[in-house]
């Protein structure tokens, strides 16, 4: 038996976007795991995940149309039945499915049948990519989703696809559908984020077809979650397949975020190593000193200088550099470049004392 997403959200099959949002919010306030005691949390998590899945499908025009025609199993598997013959109405298609999915599918008027019959979904390039339940919750509740902390979490970035125009050629010379060129967008990250790892949420806006009205395009906003892995470097690419604008006969573009590294006030990255410049006095260079540095993850690092330091010397601290993403548990080195600060002038007495102390030093 198929899953009845309309029944899960307690809406009829003519529900508008606003109807879906209201229904989701009402049920999410009941079934969000954080709003339930620990003994009911497993049940709440399961129902919250299911209602999030229902909203994800019904709020996306393409997913909703495919679901209405073929059901949730075909939607998720990508295995669609052969096209109905010309004289088979959409009403008979959905009615046969409604017996397994629930009574909400039966309320289809003639006008809607005609519209759906005229425009069949493009299933050739469709792939089911479910959205994260927490992302949907944050998108619709905003500040409330983070306990009043504001919607900083998912407003870290906003990205809009730039390929707004429609392509003049929708297929290749052999008749296959053409895929739109990938859309890239820089994703600035602090050195701390690249050291420790982070989660970024990017809000994207894209054009999608409205299945209820043939040829109509509407703007859909959604949030993409990007897991920054410790050790990622500038130029690392994160790809979200087919999240670009929908165009007639063209496979939507991939949306790609490219890691960019923000300058740091103290550290500079060199491959897997971290480089820091430190200035010491001539006295410290000759007699020794102790350096104290705060690491990118907030630890206090103490480095003793016991040898005589020459100008331009470099002290290497093993395993205190950047994490190596392809070798978990390993890090590069911390390289401390030392510059000796000489006094701008010395008195006669100071020079005499230095000659006395250092005169016999080779």
Protein backbone atom coordinates (compact mmCIF):
# COMPACT_ATOMS: atom_id res chain seq x y z
CA UNK A 1 0.00 0.00 0.00
CA UNK A 2 1.35 3.41 -0.97
CA UNK A 3 1.96 6.32 1.38
CA UNK A 4 -0.74 9.01 1.33
CA UNK A 5 1.16 12.26 1.75
CA UNK A 6 -2.04 14.29 1.59
CA UNK A 7 -3.50 12.35 4.49
CA UNK A 8 -0.26 12.69 6.49
CA UNK A 9 -0.53 16.50 6.25
CA UNK A 10 -4.33 16.40 6.60
CA UNK A 11 -4.94 18.39 3.40
CA UNK A 12 -6.92 17.67 0.25
CA UNK A 13 -5.23 17.17 -3.08
CA UNK A 14 -6.04 20.72 -4.21
CA UNK A 15 -3.96 22.15 -1.36
CA UNK A 16 -2.01 25.29 -2.26
CA UNK A 17 1.54 26.09 -1.13
CA UNK A 18 0.09 28.17 1.70
CA UNK A 19 -2.18 25.30 2.76
CA UNK A 20 0.80 22.95 2.84
CA UNK A 21 2.88 25.36 4.92
CA UNK A 22 0.11 25.86 7.46
CA UNK A 23 -0.51 22.12 7.74
CA UNK A 24 3.17 21.33 8.11
CA UNK A 25 3.72 23.99 10.77
CA UNK A 26 0.74 22.83 12.80
CA UNK A 27 1.90 19.19 12.78
CA UNK A 28 5.58 20.01 13.23
CA UNK A 29 4.76 21.86 16.44
CA UNK A 30 3.21 18.62 17.70
CA UNK A 31 5.70 16.05 16.44
CA UNK A 32 9.08 17.77 16.48
CA UNK A 33 11.31 15.48 18.63
CA UNK A 34 12.47 18.37 20.82
CA UNK A 35 8.85 19.09 21.79
CA UNK A 36 8.22 15.57 23.06
CA UNK A 37 9.32 13.79 26.25
CA UNK A 38 12.10 11.22 25.99
CA UNK A 39 9.71 8.26 26.24
CA UNK A 40 7.80 9.47 23.15
CA UNK A 41 10.79 10.66 21.18
CA UNK A 42 11.17 7.56 18.92
CA UNK A 43 7.53 7.87 17.81
CA UNK A 44 7.87 11.64 17.39
CA UNK A 45 11.03 11.29 15.30
CA UNK A 46 9.34 8.81 12.97
CA UNK A 47 6.23 10.99 12.49
CA UNK A 48 8.28 14.17 12.12
CA UNK A 49 10.38 12.54 9.42
CA UNK A 50 7.27 11.32 7.60
CA UNK A 51 5.47 14.67 7.64
CA UNK A 52 8.68 16.36 6.46
CA UNK A 53 8.85 13.89 3.60
CA UNK A 54 5.22 14.61 2.76
CA UNK A 55 5.82 18.36 2.69
CA UNK A 56 8.99 17.91 0.62
CA UNK A 57 7.10 15.97 -2.05
CA UNK A 58 3.90 18.03 -2.16
CA UNK A 59 5.65 21.43 -2.11
CA UNK A 60 7.83 20.50 -5.09
CA UNK A 61 5.80 20.74 -8.32
CA UNK A 62 7.64 17.99 -10.19
CA UNK A 63 7.71 15.55 -7.28
CA UNK A 64 4.03 16.24 -6.58
CA UNK A 65 2.95 15.63 -10.16
CA UNK A 66 4.88 12.37 -10.41
CA UNK A 67 3.53 11.26 -7.03
CA UNK A 68 -0.04 12.08 -8.04
CA UNK A 69 0.30 10.03 -11.20
CA UNK A 70 2.40 7.08 -10.10
CA UNK A 71 2.61 7.01 -6.29
CA UNK A 72 5.46 7.19 -3.81
CA UNK A 73 7.17 3.93 -4.77
CA UNK A 74 7.65 5.01 -8.38
CA UNK A 75 8.65 8.50 -7.21
CA UNK A 76 11.47 7.13 -5.04
CA UNK A 77 12.61 4.28 -7.28
CA UNK A 78 12.42 6.11 -10.59
CA UNK A 79 10.63 3.10 -12.11
CA UNK A 80 7.62 4.49 -13.97
CA UNK A 81 4.90 2.53 -15.79
CA UNK A 82 4.49 2.92 -19.56
CA UNK A 83 2.67 6.06 -20.66
CA UNK A 84 -1.11 5.79 -20.70
CA UNK A 85 -2.77 5.60 -24.15
CA UNK A 86 -4.26 8.86 -25.50
CA UNK A 87 -7.85 7.91 -24.65
CA UNK A 88 -7.08 7.13 -20.99
CA UNK A 89 -7.93 10.07 -18.77
CA UNK A 90 -5.90 11.21 -15.82
CA UNK A 91 -8.94 10.65 -13.62
CA UNK A 92 -8.82 6.90 -14.18
CA UNK A 93 -5.09 6.81 -13.52
CA UNK A 94 -5.30 8.61 -10.18
CA UNK A 95 -8.48 6.84 -9.16
CA UNK A 96 -6.88 3.42 -9.47
CA UNK A 97 -3.98 4.58 -7.35
CA UNK A 98 -6.17 6.29 -4.79
CA UNK A 99 -7.56 2.97 -3.62
CA UNK A 100 -4.16 2.12 -2.19
CA UNK A 101 -3.13 5.56 -1.03
CA UNK A 102 -6.20 7.02 0.68
CA UNK A 103 -9.40 8.93 0.08
CA UNK A 104 -7.76 12.29 -0.61
CA UNK A 105 -6.95 11.21 -4.17
CA UNK A 106 -10.56 10.82 -5.14
CA UNK A 107 -11.47 14.53 -5.10
CA UNK A 108 -10.39 15.41 -8.66
CA UNK A 109 -12.55 17.76 -10.70
CA UNK A 110 -12.82 17.64 -14.47
CA UNK A 111 -10.85 20.84 -15.09
CA UNK A 112 -7.89 19.56 -13.16
CA UNK A 113 -8.11 16.25 -15.02
CA UNK A 114 -7.85 18.01 -18.34
CA UNK A 115 -4.86 20.08 -17.26
CA UNK A 116 -3.02 17.05 -15.97
CA UNK A 117 -3.80 15.05 -19.08
CA UNK A 118 -2.38 17.78 -21.27
CA UNK A 119 0.96 17.94 -19.49
CA UNK A 120 2.67 14.72 -18.48
CA UNK A 121 5.69 14.93 -16.16
CA UNK A 122 9.18 14.73 -17.58
CA UNK A 123 10.38 11.56 -15.87
CA UNK A 124 13.32 10.88 -18.18
CA UNK A 125 15.81 12.93 -16.16
CA UNK A 126 14.06 12.79 -12.79
CA UNK A 127 15.94 11.62 -9.71
CA UNK A 128 14.40 11.66 -6.26
CA UNK A 129 16.55 13.74 -3.89
CA UNK A 130 14.78 14.01 -0.52
CA UNK A 131 15.44 17.06 1.60
CA UNK A 132 16.67 17.03 5.19
CA UNK A 133 13.85 17.23 7.75
CA UNK A 134 15.71 19.76 9.90
CA UNK A 135 16.36 21.98 6.87
CA UNK A 136 12.64 22.08 6.06
CA UNK A 137 11.81 22.92 9.68
CA UNK A 138 14.36 25.75 9.78
CA UNK A 139 13.19 27.10 6.44
CA UNK A 140 9.57 27.41 7.54
CA UNK A 141 10.03 28.40 11.17
CA UNK A 142 13.02 30.72 10.83
CA UNK A 143 14.02 32.16 14.20
CA UNK A 144 11.74 29.75 16.07
CA UNK A 145 13.65 26.77 14.67
CA UNK A 146 16.75 27.71 16.63
CA UNK A 147 15.01 28.40 19.90
CA UNK A 148 14.83 32.15 19.33
CA UNK A 149 18.50 32.45 18.33
CA UNK A 150 17.49 33.87 14.97
CA UNK A 151 17.75 32.33 11.54
CA UNK A 152 21.50 32.82 11.28
CA UNK A 153 22.01 29.13 10.69
CA UNK A 154 20.33 28.99 7.30
CA UNK A 155 20.89 32.58 6.24
CA UNK A 156 24.66 32.22 6.13
CA UNK A 157 24.37 32.31 2.38
CA UNK A 158 21.82 33.04 -0.30
CA UNK A 159 22.32 31.88 -3.84
CA UNK A 160 20.18 32.33 -6.92
CA UNK A 161 20.67 30.48 -10.17
CA UNK A 162 21.83 32.77 -12.93
CA UNK A 163 20.67 30.81 -15.98
CA UNK A 164 17.29 32.48 -16.03
CA UNK A 165 16.75 32.43 -19.78
CA UNK A 166 15.50 29.48 -21.73
CA UNK A 167 17.93 27.64 -23.97
CA UNK A 168 17.36 27.68 -27.69
CA UNK A 169 18.55 24.11 -28.13
CA UNK A 170 17.08 21.51 -25.82
CA UNK A 171 18.68 18.38 -27.23
CA UNK A 172 21.85 17.10 -28.82
CA UNK A 173 22.20 16.14 -32.46
CA UNK A 174 21.24 12.52 -31.71
CA UNK A 175 18.02 13.55 -29.98
CA UNK A 176 19.19 13.10 -26.39
CA UNK A 177 18.28 15.74 -23.81
CA UNK A 178 20.99 18.32 -23.20
CA UNK A 179 22.05 19.15 -19.66
CA UNK A 180 22.46 22.80 -18.76
CA UNK A 181 25.96 23.98 -17.86
CA UNK A 182 26.82 23.72 -14.17
CA UNK A 183 26.33 26.84 -12.05
CA UNK A 184 29.22 27.57 -9.67
CA UNK A 185 29.17 29.82 -6.63
CA UNK A 186 32.00 30.62 -4.20
CA UNK A 187 31.60 29.44 -0.62
CA UNK A 188 33.87 31.53 1.67
CA UNK A 189 35.05 29.65 4.78
CA UNK A 190 37.15 30.76 7.72
CA UNK A 191 40.33 28.89 8.51
CA UNK A 192 38.69 27.74 11.73
CA UNK A 193 35.83 26.17 9.76
CA UNK A 194 38.26 24.38 7.48
CA UNK A 195 40.22 23.20 10.52
CA UNK A 196 37.37 21.94 12.69
CA UNK A 197 34.70 21.28 10.08
CA UNK A 198 31.37 23.07 9.93
CA UNK A 199 27.83 22.93 8.62
CA UNK A 200 26.68 25.68 6.29
CA UNK A 201 23.18 26.21 5.00
CA UNK A 202 22.68 27.94 1.67
CA UNK A 203 19.30 29.21 0.56
CA UNK A 204 18.83 28.86 -3.19
CA UNK A 205 16.14 30.22 -5.48
CA UNK A 206 15.38 28.50 -8.75
CA UNK A 207 12.72 28.44 -11.43
CA UNK A 208 10.53 25.34 -11.60
CA UNK A 209 7.52 24.46 -13.70
CA UNK A 210 4.11 24.60 -12.05
CA UNK A 211 2.44 21.30 -13.03
CA UNK A 212 -1.05 22.71 -12.43
CA UNK A 213 -0.69 25.31 -15.19
CA UNK A 214 0.96 24.33 -18.45
CA UNK A 215 4.04 26.43 -19.24
CA UNK A 216 3.91 28.47 -16.03
CA UNK A 217 7.15 28.92 -14.12
CA UNK A 218 7.37 29.79 -10.44
CA UNK A 219 10.24 30.50 -8.06
CA UNK A 220 11.06 27.81 -5.53
CA UNK A 221 13.27 28.49 -2.52
CA UNK A 222 14.99 25.74 -0.60
CA UNK A 223 17.93 25.25 1.74
CA UNK A 224 20.95 23.13 0.90
CA UNK A 225 23.09 21.80 3.73
CA UNK A 226 26.84 21.65 3.17
CA UNK A 227 29.00 19.62 5.54
CA UNK A 228 32.47 21.19 5.57
CA UNK A 229 34.96 18.41 6.32
CA UNK A 230 38.09 19.16 8.39
CA UNK A 231 41.04 19.76 6.11
CA UNK A 232 39.15 20.76 2.97
CA UNK A 233 41.14 23.15 0.80
CA UNK A 234 40.41 26.11 -1.39
CA UNK A 235 38.93 24.84 -4.66
CA UNK A 236 37.10 21.85 -3.16
CA UNK A 237 33.75 21.47 -4.93
CA UNK A 238 30.42 20.37 -3.48
CA UNK A 239 27.86 19.38 -6.10
CA UNK A 240 24.08 19.29 -5.79
CA UNK A 241 22.82 17.46 -8.89
CA UNK A 242 20.13 19.10 -10.99
CA UNK A 243 19.29 21.92 -8.59
CA UNK A 244 19.41 24.53 -11.35
CA UNK A 245 16.51 26.18 -13.13
CA UNK A 246 14.05 24.00 -14.98
CA UNK A 247 13.83 24.72 -18.71
CA UNK A 248 11.78 23.08 -21.47
CA UNK A 249 13.44 19.86 -22.63
CA UNK A 250 16.69 20.53 -20.76
CA UNK A 251 18.08 18.63 -17.78
CA UNK A 252 18.55 21.16 -14.95
CA UNK A 253 22.09 22.24 -14.21
CA UNK A 254 24.11 20.99 -11.28
CA UNK A 255 24.66 23.62 -8.60
CA UNK A 256 28.26 23.61 -7.41
CA UNK A 257 29.73 25.42 -4.41
CA UNK A 258 33.47 26.01 -4.49
CA UNK A 259 35.35 26.38 -1.21
CA UNK A 260 37.18 29.68 -0.80
CA UNK A 261 39.42 30.49 2.14
CA UNK A 262 39.10 33.72 4.08
CA UNK A 263 42.34 35.37 5.28
CA UNK A 264 43.24 34.74 8.91
CA UNK A 265 44.68 37.34 11.26
CA UNK A 266 47.47 35.07 12.53
CA UNK A 267 47.84 31.89 10.53
CA UNK A 268 48.49 31.29 6.87
CA UNK A 269 47.87 27.95 5.20
CA UNK A 270 50.53 26.27 3.08
CA UNK A 271 49.14 22.96 1.85
CA UNK A 272 48.58 20.91 4.99
CA UNK A 273 50.89 23.12 7.07
CA UNK A 274 50.07 26.23 9.06
CA UNK A 275 52.57 29.08 8.99
CA UNK A 276 52.81 31.84 11.58
CA UNK A 277 55.27 34.72 11.84
CA UNK A 278 56.57 35.64 15.28
CA UNK A 279 58.96 38.39 16.32
CA UNK A 280 61.33 37.95 19.29
CA UNK A 281 63.88 40.30 20.82
CA UNK A 282 67.63 39.86 20.49
CA UNK A 283 67.76 38.99 24.18
CA UNK A 284 65.16 36.24 23.68
CA UNK A 285 67.02 34.97 20.63
CA UNK A 286 70.22 34.62 22.66
CA UNK A 287 68.91 33.48 26.03
CA UNK A 288 65.72 31.61 25.19
CA UNK A 289 62.02 32.29 25.52
CA UNK A 290 58.57 30.73 25.45
CA UNK A 291 55.98 31.32 22.75
CA UNK A 292 52.27 30.99 23.45
CA UNK A 293 49.81 30.53 20.58
CA UNK A 294 46.08 29.88 20.48
CA UNK A 295 45.29 27.11 18.01
CA UNK A 296 42.43 27.22 15.52
CA UNK A 297 40.39 24.94 17.78
CA UNK A 298 40.97 27.14 20.83
CA UNK A 299 43.77 25.27 22.62
CA UNK A 300 46.69 27.07 24.25
CA UNK A 301 49.96 25.91 22.70
CA UNK A 302 53.23 26.55 24.53
CA UNK A 303 56.47 26.33 22.52
CA UNK A 304 59.76 26.65 24.40
CA UNK A 305 62.73 28.25 22.57
CA UNK A 306 65.90 26.85 24.16
CA UNK A 307 68.43 27.16 21.35
CA UNK A 308 69.99 30.36 20.06
CA UNK A 309 67.74 31.69 17.33
CA UNK A 310 69.22 33.08 14.16
CA UNK A 311 67.32 35.59 11.99
CA UNK A 312 64.97 33.76 9.62
CA UNK A 313 64.98 30.56 11.68
CA UNK A 314 61.95 28.30 11.54
CA UNK A 315 60.63 26.16 14.38
CA UNK A 316 58.50 23.18 13.34
CA UNK A 317 55.84 21.76 15.65
CA UNK A 318 54.72 18.37 14.28
CA UNK A 319 51.03 17.47 13.95
CA UNK A 320 49.76 20.97 14.75
CA UNK A 321 48.92 21.98 11.19
CA UNK A 322 45.73 21.48 9.19
CA UNK A 323 43.90 18.14 9.28
CA UNK A 324 44.56 15.97 6.22
CA UNK A 325 41.09 15.21 4.86
CA UNK A 326 42.15 12.02 3.05
CA UNK A 327 44.04 10.71 6.08
CA UNK A 328 41.77 11.01 9.14
CA UNK A 329 43.67 11.56 12.37
CA UNK A 330 46.71 13.06 10.67
CA UNK A 331 47.69 16.72 10.48
CA UNK A 332 50.36 18.78 8.83
CA UNK A 333 52.96 20.77 10.75
CA UNK A 334 52.90 24.16 12.41
CA UNK A 335 55.81 26.21 11.10
CA UNK A 336 56.81 29.21 13.17
CA UNK A 337 58.97 31.68 11.26
CA UNK A 338 61.01 33.77 13.69
CA UNK A 339 62.24 37.29 13.12
CA UNK A 340 64.78 38.74 15.53
CA UNK A 341 64.19 42.35 16.49
CA UNK A 342 67.46 44.20 17.01
CA UNK A 343 67.71 47.29 19.20
CA UNK A 344 67.68 50.54 17.28
CA UNK A 345 70.57 51.93 19.34
CA UNK A 346 72.89 51.07 22.26
CA UNK A 347 74.62 53.29 24.79
CA UNK A 348 78.40 53.25 25.19
CA UNK A 349 78.04 51.36 28.43
CA UNK A 350 75.80 48.73 26.83
CA UNK A 351 78.25 48.20 23.98
CA UNK A 352 81.10 47.85 26.43
CA UNK A 353 79.16 45.31 28.46
CA UNK A 354 78.31 43.32 25.34
CA UNK A 355 81.97 43.22 24.34
CA UNK A 356 82.87 41.99 27.78
CA UNK A 357 80.20 39.26 27.73
CA UNK A 358 80.46 38.19 24.12
CA UNK A 359 84.07 38.99 23.38
CA UNK A 360 85.27 35.43 23.86
CA UNK A 361 82.27 33.77 22.18
CA UNK A 362 83.21 32.12 18.91
